[in-house]
Amino acid sequence: MSIELPAGFFVAHMSGADFFGLVVSVLIIGYLFYALIRGEKL
């Protein structure tokens, strides 16, 4: 049996540094995905 916890539970138990690192990581991954999809115009 799996117990699904709300996302707020994880955010509430994260330190500020962990949350900042998560936000930066998501932004970087989003930018890399955008650059991959957009491609390069030569």
C-alpha atoms as a PDB file:
ATOM      1  CA  MET A   1       0.000   0.000   0.000  1.00  0.00           C
ATOM      2  CA  SER A   2       1.372   3.379  -0.934  1.00  0.00           C
ATOM      3  CA  ILE A   3       0.632   6.495   1.055  1.00  0.00           C
ATOM      4  CA  GLU A   4       0.590   9.674  -1.007  1.00  0.00           C
ATOM      5  CA  LEU A   5       1.578  12.742   0.961  1.00  0.00           C
ATOM      6  CA  PRO A   6       0.719  16.240  -0.198  1.00  0.00           C
ATOM      7  CA  ALA A   7       3.510  18.347  -1.673  1.00  0.00           C
ATOM      8  CA  GLY A   8       3.102  20.819   1.197  1.00  0.00           C
ATOM      9  CA  PHE A   9       4.384  18.170   3.611  1.00  0.00           C
ATOM     10  CA  PHE A  10       7.738  18.014   1.817  1.00  0.00           C
ATOM     11  CA  VAL A  11       8.012  21.786   1.434  1.00  0.00           C
ATOM     12  CA  ALA A  12       7.245  22.318   5.123  1.00  0.00           C
ATOM     13  CA  HIS A  13      10.080  19.974   6.155  1.00  0.00           C
ATOM     14  CA  MET A  14      12.715  21.431   3.802  1.00  0.00           C
ATOM     15  CA  SER A  15      15.367  23.890   4.878  1.00  0.00           C
ATOM     16  CA  GLY A  16      15.755  27.177   3.051  1.00  0.00           C
ATOM     17  CA  ALA A  17      18.908  25.982   1.312  1.00  0.00           C
ATOM     18  CA  ASP A  18      17.181  22.811   0.082  1.00  0.00           C
ATOM     19  CA  PHE A  19      14.252  24.810  -1.285  1.00  0.00           C
ATOM     20  CA  PHE A  20      16.578  27.305  -2.998  1.00  0.00           C
ATOM     21  CA  GLY A  21      18.562  24.468  -4.587  1.00  0.00           C
ATOM     22  CA  LEU A  22      15.359  22.825  -5.799  1.00  0.00           C
ATOM     23  CA  VAL A  23      14.112  26.054  -7.377  1.00  0.00           C
ATOM     24  CA  VAL A  24      17.460  26.708  -9.094  1.00  0.00           C
ATOM     25  CA  SER A  25      17.600  23.125 -10.372  1.00  0.00           C
ATOM     26  CA  VAL A  26      14.081  23.341 -11.813  1.00  0.00           C
ATOM     27  CA  LEU A  27      14.906  26.636 -13.539  1.00  0.00           C
ATOM     28  CA  ILE A  28      18.114  25.234 -15.061  1.00  0.00           C
ATOM     29  CA  ILE A  29      16.381  22.054 -16.264  1.00  0.00           C
ATOM     30  CA  GLY A  30      13.569  24.151 -17.732  1.00  0.00           C
ATOM     31  CA  TYR A  31      16.027  26.366 -19.589  1.00  0.00           C
ATOM     32  CA  LEU A  32      17.974  23.382 -20.932  1.00  0.00           C
ATOM     33  CA  PHE A  33      14.748  21.748 -22.119  1.00  0.00           C
ATOM     34  CA  TYR A  34      13.727  25.017 -23.801  1.00  0.00           C
ATOM     35  CA  ALA A  35      17.113  25.286 -25.535  1.00  0.00           C
ATOM     36  CA  LEU A  36      16.835  21.652 -26.664  1.00  0.00           C
ATOM     37  CA  ILE A  37      13.356  22.148 -28.131  1.00  0.00           C
ATOM     38  CA  ARG A  38      14.089  25.561 -29.651  1.00  0.00           C
ATOM     39  CA  GLY A  39      17.208  24.425 -31.478  1.00  0.00           C
ATOM     40  CA  GLU A  40      19.889  26.567 -33.036  1.00  0.00           C
ATOM     41  CA  LYS A  41      19.311  28.736 -36.093  1.00  0.00           C
ATOM     42  CA  LEU A  42      22.389  28.892 -38.287  1.00  0.00           C
END
